[in-house]
Amino acid sequence: MKTGKRVFVYKTDAEVMDKYTVAATIANRRYFFAMGDDPYSPLGFNLFIGDSRQYTECSKCFGRKLSYIPMHLVRAIKERITY
């Protein structure tokens, strides 16, 4: 079943809380989320940071694009893109 959702994950190697940027395309609109290493930890980081009206895709700004979605982010991403 095709849902029309595409997800890209970018990672920065800097020592920052928002190590991952998730770009999710849903119904021809792009949404951006910032996530840390453990988005469900009480000290974790998992925030909506904007949509395609506020950001233009700048992959150099987000870090390097990953060819896979890290397993520790899968649940958080699924919850973010499900409506």
PDB file of N, CA and C in Angstrom:
ATOM      1  N   MET A   1       0.844  -1.180   0.000  1.00  0.00           N
ATOM      2  CA  MET A   1       0.000   0.000   0.000  1.00  0.00           C
ATOM      3  C   MET A   1       0.890   1.243   0.000  1.00  0.00           C
ATOM      4  N   LYS A   2       0.702   2.102  -0.958  1.00  0.00           N
ATOM      5  CA  LYS A   2       1.487   3.316  -1.049  1.00  0.00           C
ATOM      6  C   LYS A   2       0.811   4.427  -0.256  1.00  0.00           C
ATOM      7  N   THR A   3       1.587   5.031   0.650  1.00  0.00           N
ATOM      8  CA  THR A   3       1.006   6.054   1.521  1.00  0.00           C
ATOM      9  C   THR A   3       1.321   7.464   1.065  1.00  0.00           C
ATOM     10  N   GLY A   4       2.268   7.638   0.155  1.00  0.00           N
ATOM     11  CA  GLY A   4       2.641   8.974  -0.282  1.00  0.00           C
ATOM     12  C   GLY A   4       3.550   9.683   0.698  1.00  0.00           C
ATOM     13  N   LYS A   5       4.204   8.931   1.589  1.00  0.00           N
ATOM     14  CA  LYS A   5       5.102   9.523   2.582  1.00  0.00           C
ATOM     15  C   LYS A   5       6.541   9.125   2.250  1.00  0.00           C
ATOM     16  N   ARG A   6       7.429  10.112   2.262  1.00  0.00           N
ATOM     17  CA  ARG A   6       8.852   9.867   2.054  1.00  0.00           C
ATOM     18  C   ARG A   6       9.605  10.502   3.199  1.00  0.00           C
ATOM     19  N   VAL A   7      10.619   9.794   3.690  1.00  0.00           N
ATOM     20  CA  VAL A   7      11.375  10.271   4.841  1.00  0.00           C
ATOM     21  C   VAL A   7      12.867  10.249   4.512  1.00  0.00           C
ATOM     22  N   PHE A   8      13.532  11.348   4.844  1.00  0.00           N
ATOM     23  CA  PHE A   8      14.984  11.445   4.703  1.00  0.00           C
ATOM     24  C   PHE A   8      15.548  11.840   6.062  1.00  0.00           C
ATOM     25  N   VAL A   9      16.673  11.239   6.426  1.00  0.00           N
ATOM     26  CA  VAL A   9      17.309  11.539   7.705  1.00  0.00           C
ATOM     27  C   VAL A   9      18.704  12.082   7.432  1.00  0.00           C
ATOM     28  N   TYR A  10      19.026  13.187   8.088  1.00  0.00           N
ATOM     29  CA  TYR A  10      20.339  13.815   7.980  1.00  0.00           C
ATOM     30  C   TYR A  10      20.989  13.780   9.362  1.00  0.00           C
ATOM     31  N   LYS A  11      22.304  13.615   9.394  1.00  0.00           N
ATOM     32  CA  LYS A  11      23.011  13.537  10.669  1.00  0.00           C
ATOM     33  C   LYS A  11      24.185  14.507  10.665  1.00  0.00           C
ATOM     34  N   THR A  12      24.306  15.244  11.750  1.00  0.00           N
ATOM     35  CA  THR A  12      25.462  16.101  11.939  1.00  0.00           C
ATOM     36  C   THR A  12      26.419  15.403  12.896  1.00  0.00           C
ATOM     37  N   ASP A  13      27.694  15.541  12.674  1.00  0.00           N
ATOM     38  CA  ASP A  13      28.682  14.895  13.534  1.00  0.00           C
ATOM     39  C   ASP A  13      29.092  15.777  14.702  1.00  0.00           C
ATOM     40  N   ALA A  14      28.513  16.940  14.806  1.00  0.00           N
ATOM     41  CA  ALA A  14      28.816  17.852  15.916  1.00  0.00           C
ATOM     42  C   ALA A  14      28.195  17.310  17.209  1.00  0.00           C
ATOM     43  N   GLU A  15      28.747  17.687  18.327  1.00  0.00           N
ATOM     44  CA  GLU A  15      28.215  17.281  19.636  1.00  0.00           C
ATOM     45  C   GLU A  15      27.102  18.246  20.044  1.00  0.00           C
ATOM     46  N   VAL A  16      25.921  18.028  19.489  1.00  0.00           N
ATOM     47  CA  VAL A  16      24.761  18.869  19.763  1.00  0.00           C
ATOM     48  C   VAL A  16      23.570  17.975  20.113  1.00  0.00           C
ATOM     49  N   MET A  17      22.549  18.560  20.730  1.00  0.00           N
ATOM     50  CA  MET A  17      21.368  17.771  21.102  1.00  0.00           C
ATOM     51  C   MET A  17      20.578  17.313  19.886  1.00  0.00           C
ATOM     52  N   ASP A  18      20.445  18.189  18.899  1.00  0.00           N
ATOM     53  CA  ASP A  18      19.660  17.845  17.710  1.00  0.00           C
ATOM     54  C   ASP A  18      20.571  17.277  16.625  1.00  0.00           C
ATOM     55  N   LYS A  19      21.057  16.079  16.885  1.00  0.00           N
ATOM     56  CA  LYS A  19      22.015  15.427  16.000  1.00  0.00           C
ATOM     57  C   LYS A  19      21.384  15.011  14.666  1.00  0.00           C
ATOM     58  N   TYR A  20      20.090  14.739  14.662  1.00  0.00           N
ATOM     59  CA  TYR A  20      19.405  14.266  13.458  1.00  0.00           C
ATOM     60  C   TYR A  20      18.349  15.273  13.019  1.00  0.00           C
ATOM     61  N   THR A  21      18.260  15.480  11.721  1.00  0.00           N
ATOM     62  CA  THR A  21      17.177  16.253  11.125  1.00  0.00           C
ATOM     63  C   THR A  21      16.398  15.302  10.238  1.00  0.00           C
ATOM     64  N   VAL A  22      15.101  15.235  10.452  1.00  0.00           N
ATOM     65  CA  VAL A  22      14.236  14.357   9.680  1.00  0.00           C
ATOM     66  C   VAL A  22      13.386  15.222   8.771  1.00  0.00           C
ATOM     67  N   ALA A  23      13.419  14.928   7.477  1.00  0.00           N
ATOM     68  CA  ALA A  23      12.586  15.627   6.495  1.00  0.00           C
ATOM     69  C   ALA A  23      11.568  14.617   5.983  1.00  0.00           C
ATOM     70  N   ALA A  24      10.301  14.851   6.252  1.00  0.00           N
ATOM     71  CA  ALA A  24       9.239  13.934   5.851  1.00  0.00           C
ATOM     72  C   ALA A  24       8.315  14.639   4.860  1.00  0.00           C
ATOM     73  N   THR A  25       8.109  14.013   3.721  1.00  0.00           N
ATOM     74  CA  THR A  25       7.192  14.552   2.727  1.00  0.00           C
ATOM     75  C   THR A  25       5.869  13.803   2.849  1.00  0.00           C
ATOM     76  N   ILE A  26       4.821  14.538   3.170  1.00  0.00           N
ATOM     77  CA  ILE A  26       3.494  13.958   3.331  1.00  0.00           C
ATOM     78  C   ILE A  26       2.531  14.786   2.497  1.00  0.00           C
ATOM     79  N   ALA A  27       1.880  14.137   1.549  1.00  0.00           N
ATOM     80  CA  ALA A  27       0.904  14.809   0.685  1.00  0.00           C
ATOM     81  C   ALA A  27       1.495  16.068   0.043  1.00  0.00           C
ATOM     82  N   ASN A  28       2.659  15.917  -0.547  1.00  0.00           N
ATOM     83  CA  ASN A  28       3.352  16.995  -1.269  1.00  0.00           C
ATOM     84  C   ASN A  28       3.733  18.189  -0.410  1.00  0.00           C
ATOM     85  N   ARG A  29       3.856  17.981   0.877  1.00  0.00           N
ATOM     86  CA  ARG A  29       4.310  19.037   1.777  1.00  0.00           C
ATOM     87  C   ARG A  29       5.423  18.471   2.650  1.00  0.00           C
ATOM     88  N   ARG A  30       6.479  19.213   2.833  1.00  0.00           N
ATOM     89  CA  ARG A  30       7.631  18.725   3.593  1.00  0.00           C
ATOM     90  C   ARG A  30       7.602  19.270   5.014  1.00  0.00           C
ATOM     91  N   TYR A  31       7.809  18.362   5.974  1.00  0.00           N
ATOM     92  CA  TYR A  31       7.859  18.700   7.391  1.00  0.00           C
ATOM     93  C   TYR A  31       9.241  18.350   7.933  1.00  0.00           C
ATOM     94  N   PHE A  32       9.723  19.142   8.880  1.00  0.00           N
ATOM     95  CA  PHE A  32      11.057  18.935   9.435  1.00  0.00           C
ATOM     96  C   PHE A  32      10.978  18.730  10.939  1.00  0.00           C
ATOM     97  N   PHE A  33      11.763  17.766  11.423  1.00  0.00           N
ATOM     98  CA  PHE A  33      11.840  17.443  12.840  1.00  0.00           C
ATOM     99  C   PHE A  33      13.303  17.355  13.242  1.00  0.00           C
ATOM    100  N   ALA A  34      13.605  17.762  14.451  1.00  0.00           N
ATOM    101  CA  ALA A  34      14.954  17.626  14.997  1.00  0.00           C
ATOM    102  C   ALA A  34      14.889  16.574  16.088  1.00  0.00           C
ATOM    103  N   MET A  35      15.856  15.651  16.073  1.00  0.00           N
ATOM    104  CA  MET A  35      15.874  14.574  17.062  1.00  0.00           C
ATOM    105  C   MET A  35      17.288  14.348  17.571  1.00  0.00           C
ATOM    106  N   GLY A  36      17.353  13.901  18.815  1.00  0.00           N
ATOM    107  CA  GLY A  36      18.633  13.551  19.409  1.00  0.00           C
ATOM    108  C   GLY A  36      18.861  12.051  19.339  1.00  0.00           C
ATOM    109  N   ASP A  37      19.921  11.598  20.017  1.00  0.00           N
ATOM    110  CA  ASP A  37      20.249  10.172  20.019  1.00  0.00           C
ATOM    111  C   ASP A  37      19.156   9.313  20.631  1.00  0.00           C
ATOM    112  N   ASP A  38      18.461   9.825  21.631  1.00  0.00           N
ATOM    113  CA  ASP A  38      17.406   9.069  22.296  1.00  0.00           C
ATOM    114  C   ASP A  38      16.179   9.967  22.442  1.00  0.00           C
ATOM    115  N   PRO A  39      15.305   9.999  21.438  1.00  0.00           N
ATOM    116  CA  PRO A  39      14.176  10.937  21.461  1.00  0.00           C
ATOM    117  C   PRO A  39      13.161  10.684  22.573  1.00  0.00           C
ATOM    118  N   TYR A  40      13.180   9.512  23.217  1.00  0.00           N
ATOM    119  CA  TYR A  40      12.205   9.219  24.271  1.00  0.00           C
ATOM    120  C   TYR A  40      12.778   9.332  25.678  1.00  0.00           C
ATOM    121  N   SER A  41      14.035   9.653  25.797  1.00  0.00           N
ATOM    122  CA  SER A  41      14.641   9.849  27.106  1.00  0.00           C
ATOM    123  C   SER A  41      14.075  11.124  27.742  1.00  0.00           C
ATOM    124  N   PRO A  42      13.982  11.180  29.071  1.00  0.00           N
ATOM    125  CA  PRO A  42      13.555  12.432  29.711  1.00  0.00           C
ATOM    126  C   PRO A  42      14.470  13.602  29.346  1.00  0.00           C
ATOM    127  N   LEU A  43      15.692  13.312  29.004  1.00  0.00           N
ATOM    128  CA  LEU A  43      16.624  14.350  28.569  1.00  0.00           C
ATOM    129  C   LEU A  43      16.784  14.352  27.049  1.00  0.00           C
ATOM    130  N   GLY A  44      15.899  13.648  26.371  1.00  0.00           N
ATOM    131  CA  GLY A  44      15.982  13.520  24.916  1.00  0.00           C
ATOM    132  C   GLY A  44      15.478  14.753  24.185  1.00  0.00           C
ATOM    133  N   PHE A  45      15.564  14.689  22.870  1.00  0.00           N
ATOM    134  CA  PHE A  45      15.209  15.819  22.028  1.00  0.00           C
ATOM    135  C   PHE A  45      14.408  15.301  20.848  1.00  0.00           C
ATOM    136  N   ASN A  46      13.190  15.816  20.638  1.00  0.00           N
ATOM    137  CA  ASN A  46      12.312  15.362  19.562  1.00  0.00           C
ATOM    138  C   ASN A  46      11.298  16.473  19.297  1.00  0.00           C
ATOM    139  N   LEU A  47      11.605  17.371  18.373  1.00  0.00           N
ATOM    140  CA  LEU A  47      10.768  18.550  18.145  1.00  0.00           C
ATOM    141  C   LEU A  47      10.403  18.748  16.678  1.00  0.00           C
ATOM    142  N   PHE A  48       9.209  19.250  16.449  1.00  0.00           N
ATOM    143  CA  PHE A  48       8.817  19.748  15.128  1.00  0.00           C
ATOM    144  C   PHE A  48       9.504  21.095  14.955  1.00  0.00           C
ATOM    145  N   ILE A  49      10.210  21.279  13.832  1.00  0.00           N
ATOM    146  CA  ILE A  49      10.916  22.548  13.654  1.00  0.00           C
ATOM    147  C   ILE A  49      10.405  23.381  12.485  1.00  0.00           C
ATOM    148  N   GLY A  50       9.458  22.869  11.724  1.00  0.00           N
ATOM    149  CA  GLY A  50       8.883  23.694  10.663  1.00  0.00           C
ATOM    150  C   GLY A  50       8.398  22.873   9.490  1.00  0.00           C
ATOM    151  N   ASP A  51       7.864  23.572   8.503  1.00  0.00           N
ATOM    152  CA  ASP A  51       7.411  22.907   7.292  1.00  0.00           C
ATOM    153  C   ASP A  51       7.990  23.611   6.071  1.00  0.00           C
ATOM    154  N   SER A  52       7.557  23.181   4.905  1.00  0.00           N
ATOM    155  CA  SER A  52       8.143  23.679   3.667  1.00  0.00           C
ATOM    156  C   SER A  52       7.897  25.169   3.451  1.00  0.00           C
ATOM    157  N   ARG A  53       6.957  25.752   4.169  1.00  0.00           N
ATOM    158  CA  ARG A  53       6.742  27.194   4.046  1.00  0.00           C
ATOM    159  C   ARG A  53       7.827  27.969   4.784  1.00  0.00           C
ATOM    160  N   GLN A  54       8.417  27.341   5.809  1.00  0.00           N
ATOM    161  CA  GLN A  54       9.414  28.022   6.625  1.00  0.00           C
ATOM    162  C   GLN A  54      10.853  27.678   6.226  1.00  0.00           C
ATOM    163  N   TYR A  55      11.043  26.495   5.667  1.00  0.00           N
ATOM    164  CA  TYR A  55      12.390  26.029   5.332  1.00  0.00           C
ATOM    165  C   TYR A  55      12.452  25.592   3.878  1.00  0.00           C
ATOM    166  N   THR A  56      13.551  25.872   3.270  1.00  0.00           N
ATOM    167  CA  THR A  56      13.851  25.252   1.986  1.00  0.00           C
ATOM    168  C   THR A  56      14.907  24.209   2.270  1.00  0.00           C
ATOM    169  N   GLU A  57      14.855  23.132   1.544  1.00  0.00           N
ATOM    170  CA  GLU A  57      15.793  22.053   1.841  1.00  0.00           C
ATOM    171  C   GLU A  57      17.220  22.500   1.579  1.00  0.00           C
ATOM    172  N   CYS A  58      18.040  22.361   2.559  1.00  0.00           N
ATOM    173  CA  CYS A  58      19.444  22.723   2.486  1.00  0.00           C
ATOM    174  C   CYS A  58      20.220  21.574   3.108  1.00  0.00           C
ATOM    175  N   SER A  59      20.501  20.552   2.337  1.00  0.00           N
ATOM    176  CA  SER A  59      21.109  19.357   2.910  1.00  0.00           C
ATOM    177  C   SER A  59      22.460  19.639   3.554  1.00  0.00           C
ATOM    178  N   LYS A  60      23.187  20.642   3.081  1.00  0.00           N
ATOM    179  CA  LYS A  60      24.463  20.986   3.703  1.00  0.00           C
ATOM    180  C   LYS A  60      24.239  21.538   5.104  1.00  0.00           C
ATOM    181  N   CYS A  61      23.121  22.232   5.305  1.00  0.00           N
ATOM    182  CA  CYS A  61      22.804  22.776   6.628  1.00  0.00           C
ATOM    183  C   CYS A  61      22.402  21.676   7.603  1.00  0.00           C
ATOM    184  N   PHE A  62      21.785  20.615   7.103  1.00  0.00           N
ATOM    185  CA  PHE A  62      21.275  19.555   7.958  1.00  0.00           C
ATOM    186  C   PHE A  62      22.334  18.517   8.305  1.00  0.00           C
ATOM    187  N   GLY A  63      23.423  18.463   7.593  1.00  0.00           N
ATOM    188  CA  GLY A  63      24.441  17.442   7.798  1.00  0.00           C
ATOM    189  C   GLY A  63      24.458  16.484   6.627  1.00  0.00           C
ATOM    190  N   ARG A  64      25.015  15.316   6.855  1.00  0.00           N
ATOM    191  CA  ARG A  64      25.090  14.347   5.755  1.00  0.00           C
ATOM    192  C   ARG A  64      23.830  13.497   5.713  1.00  0.00           C
ATOM    193  N   LYS A  65      23.362  13.232   4.505  1.00  0.00           N
ATOM    194  CA  LYS A  65      22.150  12.448   4.314  1.00  0.00           C
ATOM    195  C   LYS A  65      22.478  10.975   4.522  1.00  0.00           C
ATOM    196  N   LEU A  66      21.678  10.313   5.353  1.00  0.00           N
ATOM    197  CA  LEU A  66      21.881   8.898   5.622  1.00  0.00           C
ATOM    198  C   LEU A  66      21.117   8.059   4.609  1.00  0.00           C
ATOM    199  N   SER A  67      21.668   6.913   4.268  1.00  0.00           N
ATOM    200  CA  SER A  67      21.000   6.017   3.322  1.00  0.00           C
ATOM    201  C   SER A  67      20.051   5.053   4.045  1.00  0.00           C
ATOM    202  N   TYR A  68      19.938   5.208   5.357  1.00  0.00           N
ATOM    203  CA  TYR A  68      19.092   4.345   6.175  1.00  0.00           C
ATOM    204  C   TYR A  68      18.508   5.180   7.319  1.00  0.00           C
ATOM    205  N   ILE A  69      17.493   4.634   7.966  1.00  0.00           N
ATOM    206  CA  ILE A  69      16.929   5.303   9.145  1.00  0.00           C
ATOM    207  C   ILE A  69      17.434   4.542  10.367  1.00  0.00           C
ATOM    208  N   PRO A  70      18.163   5.198  11.269  1.00  0.00           N
ATOM    209  CA  PRO A  70      18.662   4.501  12.456  1.00  0.00           C
ATOM    210  C   PRO A  70      17.519   3.891  13.267  1.00  0.00           C
ATOM    211  N   MET A  71      17.722   2.660  13.727  1.00  0.00           N
ATOM    212  CA  MET A  71      16.665   1.927  14.434  1.00  0.00           C
ATOM    213  C   MET A  71      16.146   2.670  15.665  1.00  0.00           C
ATOM    214  N   HIS A  72      17.002   3.406  16.353  1.00  0.00           N
ATOM    215  CA  HIS A  72      16.546   4.095  17.563  1.00  0.00           C
ATOM    216  C   HIS A  72      15.658   5.306  17.253  1.00  0.00           C
ATOM    217  N   LEU A  73      15.537   5.665  15.981  1.00  0.00           N
ATOM    218  CA  LEU A  73      14.668   6.783  15.592  1.00  0.00           C
ATOM    219  C   LEU A  73      13.374   6.333  14.922  1.00  0.00           C
ATOM    220  N   VAL A  74      13.295   5.060  14.537  1.00  0.00           N
ATOM    221  CA  VAL A  74      12.158   4.586  13.735  1.00  0.00           C
ATOM    222  C   VAL A  74      10.821   4.843  14.424  1.00  0.00           C
ATOM    223  N   ARG A  75      10.693   4.469  15.696  1.00  0.00           N
ATOM    224  CA  ARG A  75       9.413   4.655  16.407  1.00  0.00           C
ATOM    225  C   ARG A  75       9.035   6.131  16.485  1.00  0.00           C
ATOM    226  N   ALA A  76       9.994   6.992  16.805  1.00  0.00           N
ATOM    227  CA  ALA A  76       9.711   8.415  16.921  1.00  0.00           C
ATOM    228  C   ALA A  76       9.272   9.000  15.574  1.00  0.00           C
ATOM    229  N   ILE A  77       9.929   8.584  14.505  1.00  0.00           N
ATOM    230  CA  ILE A  77       9.558   9.071  13.173  1.00  0.00           C
ATOM    231  C   ILE A  77       8.168   8.584  12.786  1.00  0.00           C
ATOM    232  N   LYS A  78       7.872   7.316  13.046  1.00  0.00           N
ATOM    233  CA  LYS A  78       6.540   6.789  12.719  1.00  0.00           C
ATOM    234  C   LYS A  78       5.446   7.570  13.454  1.00  0.00           C
ATOM    235  N   GLU A  79       5.687   7.885  14.715  1.00  0.00           N
ATOM    236  CA  GLU A  79       4.695   8.636  15.476  1.00  0.00           C
ATOM    237  C   GLU A  79       4.543  10.060  14.936  1.00  0.00           C
ATOM    238  N   ARG A  80       5.620  10.640  14.488  1.00  0.00           N
ATOM    239  CA  ARG A  80       5.561  12.007  13.956  1.00  0.00           C
ATOM    240  C   ARG A  80       4.822  12.095  12.633  1.00  0.00           C
ATOM    241  N   ILE A  81       4.968  11.089  11.772  1.00  0.00           N
ATOM    242  CA  ILE A  81       4.380  11.189  10.431  1.00  0.00           C
ATOM    243  C   ILE A  81       3.016  10.528  10.317  1.00  0.00           C
ATOM    244  N   THR A  82       2.531   9.936  11.406  1.00  0.00           N
ATOM    245  CA  THR A  82       1.206   9.319  11.396  1.00  0.00           C
ATOM    246  C   THR A  82       0.184  10.337  11.873  1.00  0.00           C
ATOM    247  N   TYR A  83      -0.860  10.485  11.126  1.00  0.00           N
ATOM    248  CA  TYR A  83      -1.927  11.407  11.528  1.00  0.00           C
ATOM    249  C   TYR A  83      -3.267  10.800  11.393  1.00  0.00           C
TER     250      TYR A  83
END
